Amino acid sequence: MASRRVFAAPRMARMGNPVVHFEVGCRDKDRSAKFFSDCFGWEAGPYHDLAKSLTPGGDSIDGHVTALGHEPHNYVLFYIEVEDIAAALEKVTAEGGAAHIGPLEIPGDGRSFAWFKDPDGNMLGLITPKAD
């Protein structure tokens, strides 16, 4: 049997803005949450009306599945934590990216988020830190 190569970044001092959350778009949040729970042992729980949380555990970041009820139904994106979303979106557009959605407040969470596209058209997210 051929060996599989596993890619892992070496542990380094934290720099820049970290990836802190992921989101998976779907048509049925309950079915998708069950899929990830059954396949990978991730804990699924309430998040808000359109989404269910996913907690992989260990050193992993948390995320959620979202059924928006409209396009895009199928997508995967990660969120980069930034202190100032408006300033980050200005930098994104100055460097050839494009603001797409937001910034918008997350109801009941105290944080805000936005989506943007990089110069190649990949969708990514920005999110403000959780309040201490």
C-alpha atoms as a PDB file:
ATOM      1  CA  MET A   1       0.000   0.000   0.000  1.00  0.00           C
ATOM      2  CA  ALA A   2       1.326   3.432  -0.897  1.00  0.00           C
ATOM      3  CA  SER A   3       2.000   5.746   1.989  1.00  0.00           C
ATOM      4  CA  ARG A   4      -0.124   8.842   2.336  1.00  0.00           C
ATOM      5  CA  ARG A   5       1.536  12.146   2.848  1.00  0.00           C
ATOM      6  CA  VAL A   6      -0.022  14.315   5.518  1.00  0.00           C
ATOM      7  CA  PHE A   7       0.543  18.047   5.265  1.00  0.00           C
ATOM      8  CA  ALA A   8       0.778  19.878   8.538  1.00  0.00           C
ATOM      9  CA  ALA A   9       2.108  23.338   9.125  1.00  0.00           C
ATOM     10  CA  PRO A  10       4.766  23.537  11.808  1.00  0.00           C
ATOM     11  CA  ARG A  11       3.681  25.217  15.045  1.00  0.00           C
ATOM     12  CA  MET A  12       4.879  28.805  14.897  1.00  0.00           C
ATOM     13  CA  ALA A  13       4.422  31.954  16.869  1.00  0.00           C
ATOM     14  CA  ARG A  14       1.062  33.501  16.055  1.00  0.00           C
ATOM     15  CA  MET A  15       1.243  36.369  13.595  1.00  0.00           C
ATOM     16  CA  GLY A  16      -1.201  38.251  11.447  1.00  0.00           C
ATOM     17  CA  ASN A  17      -4.910  37.629  11.531  1.00  0.00           C
ATOM     18  CA  PRO A  18      -5.878  34.021  12.381  1.00  0.00           C
ATOM     19  CA  VAL A  19      -8.487  31.804  10.748  1.00  0.00           C
ATOM     20  CA  VAL A  20     -11.033  31.377  13.549  1.00  0.00           C
ATOM     21  CA  HIS A  21     -14.201  29.864  12.057  1.00  0.00           C
ATOM     22  CA  PHE A  22     -15.490  27.913   9.052  1.00  0.00           C
ATOM     23  CA  GLU A  23     -18.864  27.712   7.324  1.00  0.00           C
ATOM     24  CA  VAL A  24     -20.356  25.059   5.035  1.00  0.00           C
ATOM     25  CA  GLY A  25     -23.374  26.003   2.926  1.00  0.00           C
ATOM     26  CA  CYS A  26     -26.059  23.376   2.446  1.00  0.00           C
ATOM     27  CA  ARG A  27     -29.726  22.912   1.611  1.00  0.00           C
ATOM     28  CA  ASP A  28     -30.647  21.037   4.822  1.00  0.00           C
ATOM     29  CA  LYS A  29     -28.755  22.046   7.980  1.00  0.00           C
ATOM     30  CA  ASP A  30     -29.989  19.090  10.028  1.00  0.00           C
ATOM     31  CA  ARG A  31     -28.948  16.537   7.391  1.00  0.00           C
ATOM     32  CA  SER A  32     -25.561  18.216   6.928  1.00  0.00           C
ATOM     33  CA  ALA A  33     -24.888  18.458  10.670  1.00  0.00           C
ATOM     34  CA  LYS A  34     -25.759  14.755  11.029  1.00  0.00           C
ATOM     35  CA  PHE A  35     -23.415  13.904   8.143  1.00  0.00           C
ATOM     36  CA  PHE A  36     -20.409  15.617   9.769  1.00  0.00           C
ATOM     37  CA  SER A  37     -21.298  14.193  13.169  1.00  0.00           C
ATOM     38  CA  ASP A  38     -21.689  10.622  11.854  1.00  0.00           C
ATOM     39  CA  CYS A  39     -18.619  10.724   9.590  1.00  0.00           C
ATOM     40  CA  PHE A  40     -16.165  12.590  11.787  1.00  0.00           C
ATOM     41  CA  GLY A  41     -17.564  12.565  15.319  1.00  0.00           C
ATOM     42  CA  TRP A  42     -18.088  16.328  15.334  1.00  0.00           C
ATOM     43  CA  GLU A  43     -20.542  17.649  17.898  1.00  0.00           C
ATOM     44  CA  ALA A  44     -23.514  19.416  16.307  1.00  0.00           C
ATOM     45  CA  GLY A  45     -25.744  21.831  18.152  1.00  0.00           C
ATOM     46  CA  PRO A  46     -27.915  24.925  17.902  1.00  0.00           C
ATOM     47  CA  TYR A  47     -26.455  28.081  16.368  1.00  0.00           C
ATOM     48  CA  HIS A  48     -29.330  30.186  14.976  1.00  0.00           C
ATOM     49  CA  ASP A  49     -32.449  29.684  12.833  1.00  0.00           C
ATOM     50  CA  LEU A  50     -30.575  29.021   9.579  1.00  0.00           C
ATOM     51  CA  ALA A  51     -27.581  27.165  10.977  1.00  0.00           C
ATOM     52  CA  LYS A  52     -26.268  24.429  13.252  1.00  0.00           C
ATOM     53  CA  SER A  53     -22.900  24.647  14.971  1.00  0.00           C
ATOM     54  CA  LEU A  54     -20.133  22.115  14.363  1.00  0.00           C
ATOM     55  CA  THR A  55     -17.427  21.468  16.944  1.00  0.00           C
ATOM     56  CA  PRO A  56     -14.661  19.194  15.660  1.00  0.00           C
ATOM     57  CA  GLY A  57     -12.843  19.247  19.002  1.00  0.00           C
ATOM     58  CA  GLY A  58      -9.150  19.024  19.796  1.00  0.00           C
ATOM     59  CA  ASP A  59      -7.040  21.881  18.452  1.00  0.00           C
ATOM     60  CA  SER A  60      -9.524  22.572  15.654  1.00  0.00           C
ATOM     61  CA  ILE A  61     -11.580  25.701  15.109  1.00  0.00           C
ATOM     62  CA  ASP A  62     -15.367  25.600  15.405  1.00  0.00           C
ATOM     63  CA  GLY A  63     -17.724  26.219  12.518  1.00  0.00           C
ATOM     64  CA  HIS A  64     -21.283  25.820  11.344  1.00  0.00           C
ATOM     65  CA  VAL A  65     -23.487  24.590   8.508  1.00  0.00           C
ATOM     66  CA  THR A  66     -25.921  27.100   7.029  1.00  0.00           C
ATOM     67  CA  ALA A  67     -29.040  26.625   4.913  1.00  0.00           C
ATOM     68  CA  LEU A  68     -29.553  30.138   3.510  1.00  0.00           C
ATOM     69  CA  GLY A  69     -32.690  29.223   1.553  1.00  0.00           C
ATOM     70  CA  HIS A  70     -31.229  30.785  -1.611  1.00  0.00           C
ATOM     71  CA  GLU A  71     -28.084  30.665  -3.729  1.00  0.00           C
ATOM     72  CA  PRO A  72     -25.352  29.920  -2.939  1.00  0.00           C
ATOM     73  CA  HIS A  73     -26.481  26.603  -1.473  1.00  0.00           C
ATOM     74  CA  ASN A  74     -23.140  24.826  -1.682  1.00  0.00           C
ATOM     75  CA  TYR A  75     -20.012  26.613  -0.545  1.00  0.00           C
ATOM     76  CA  VAL A  76     -17.212  26.350   1.970  1.00  0.00           C
ATOM     77  CA  LEU A  77     -15.474  29.356   3.424  1.00  0.00           C
ATOM     78  CA  PHE A  78     -13.284  30.275   6.328  1.00  0.00           C
ATOM     79  CA  TYR A  79     -13.319  33.408   8.440  1.00  0.00           C
ATOM     80  CA  ILE A  80     -10.300  35.563   9.196  1.00  0.00           C
ATOM     81  CA  GLU A  81     -10.439  37.507  12.448  1.00  0.00           C
ATOM     82  CA  VAL A  82      -9.882  41.263  12.106  1.00  0.00           C
ATOM     83  CA  GLU A  83     -10.383  44.132  14.545  1.00  0.00           C
ATOM     84  CA  ASP A  84     -11.872  46.494  11.920  1.00  0.00           C
ATOM     85  CA  ILE A  85     -13.875  44.959   9.070  1.00  0.00           C
ATOM     86  CA  ALA A  86     -14.277  48.231   7.161  1.00  0.00           C
ATOM     87  CA  ALA A  87     -10.505  48.808   7.183  1.00  0.00           C
ATOM     88  CA  ALA A  88      -9.856  45.191   6.152  1.00  0.00           C
ATOM     89  CA  LEU A  89     -12.323  45.502   3.244  1.00  0.00           C
ATOM     90  CA  GLU A  90     -10.580  48.705   2.116  1.00  0.00           C
ATOM     91  CA  LYS A  91      -7.276  46.831   2.040  1.00  0.00           C
ATOM     92  CA  VAL A  92      -8.906  43.887   0.199  1.00  0.00           C
ATOM     93  CA  THR A  93     -10.232  46.149  -2.552  1.00  0.00           C
ATOM     94  CA  ALA A  94      -6.959  48.092  -2.782  1.00  0.00           C
ATOM     95  CA  GLU A  95      -5.132  44.797  -3.383  1.00  0.00           C
ATOM     96  CA  GLY A  96      -7.472  43.573  -6.149  1.00  0.00           C
ATOM     97  CA  GLY A  97     -10.176  41.803  -4.179  1.00  0.00           C
ATOM     98  CA  ALA A  98     -13.837  42.783  -3.896  1.00  0.00           C
ATOM     99  CA  ALA A  99     -16.216  43.316  -0.982  1.00  0.00           C
ATOM    100  CA  HIS A 100     -19.255  41.046  -1.366  1.00  0.00           C
ATOM    101  CA  ILE A 101     -21.488  41.148   1.752  1.00  0.00           C
ATOM    102  CA  GLY A 102     -21.393  43.249   4.875  1.00  0.00           C
ATOM    103  CA  PRO A 103     -20.233  44.168   7.314  1.00  0.00           C
ATOM    104  CA  LEU A 104     -23.291  42.818   9.132  1.00  0.00           C
ATOM    105  CA  GLU A 105     -23.928  42.180  12.820  1.00  0.00           C
ATOM    106  CA  ILE A 106     -24.403  38.583  13.954  1.00  0.00           C
ATOM    107  CA  PRO A 107     -27.681  38.645  15.919  1.00  0.00           C
ATOM    108  CA  GLY A 108     -27.178  37.961  19.624  1.00  0.00           C
ATOM    109  CA  ASP A 109     -23.434  37.407  19.196  1.00  0.00           C
ATOM    110  CA  GLY A 110     -21.931  40.891  19.479  1.00  0.00           C
ATOM    111  CA  ARG A 111     -19.645  40.334  16.492  1.00  0.00           C
ATOM    112  CA  SER A 112     -19.835  41.435  12.867  1.00  0.00           C
ATOM    113  CA  PHE A 113     -18.874  39.624   9.666  1.00  0.00           C
ATOM    114  CA  ALA A 114     -18.370  40.278   5.972  1.00  0.00           C
ATOM    115  CA  TRP A 115     -17.671  38.210   2.871  1.00  0.00           C
ATOM    116  CA  PHE A 116     -15.158  39.190   0.206  1.00  0.00           C
ATOM    117  CA  LYS A 117     -13.647  37.733  -2.947  1.00  0.00           C
ATOM    118  CA  ASP A 118      -9.907  37.487  -3.489  1.00  0.00           C
ATOM    119  CA  PRO A 119      -8.444  38.411  -6.924  1.00  0.00           C
ATOM    120  CA  ASP A 120      -9.103  34.841  -8.166  1.00  0.00           C
ATOM    121  CA  GLY A 121     -12.783  34.952  -7.146  1.00  0.00           C
ATOM    122  CA  ASN A 122     -12.530  32.765  -4.019  1.00  0.00           C
ATOM    123  CA  MET A 123     -15.061  33.748  -1.367  1.00  0.00           C
ATOM    124  CA  LEU A 124     -13.698  34.296   2.159  1.00  0.00           C
ATOM    125  CA  GLY A 125     -15.034  35.768   5.367  1.00  0.00           C
ATOM    126  CA  LEU A 126     -13.967  38.373   7.901  1.00  0.00           C
ATOM    127  CA  ILE A 127     -15.180  38.351  11.498  1.00  0.00           C
ATOM    128  CA  THR A 128     -14.536  40.542  14.518  1.00  0.00           C
ATOM    129  CA  PRO A 129     -13.194  39.021  17.769  1.00  0.00           C
ATOM    130  CA  LYS A 130     -15.482  37.723  20.470  1.00  0.00           C
ATOM    131  CA  ALA A 131     -15.923  40.138  23.337  1.00  0.00           C
ATOM    132  CA  ASP A 132     -14.047  39.143  26.487  1.00  0.00           C
END
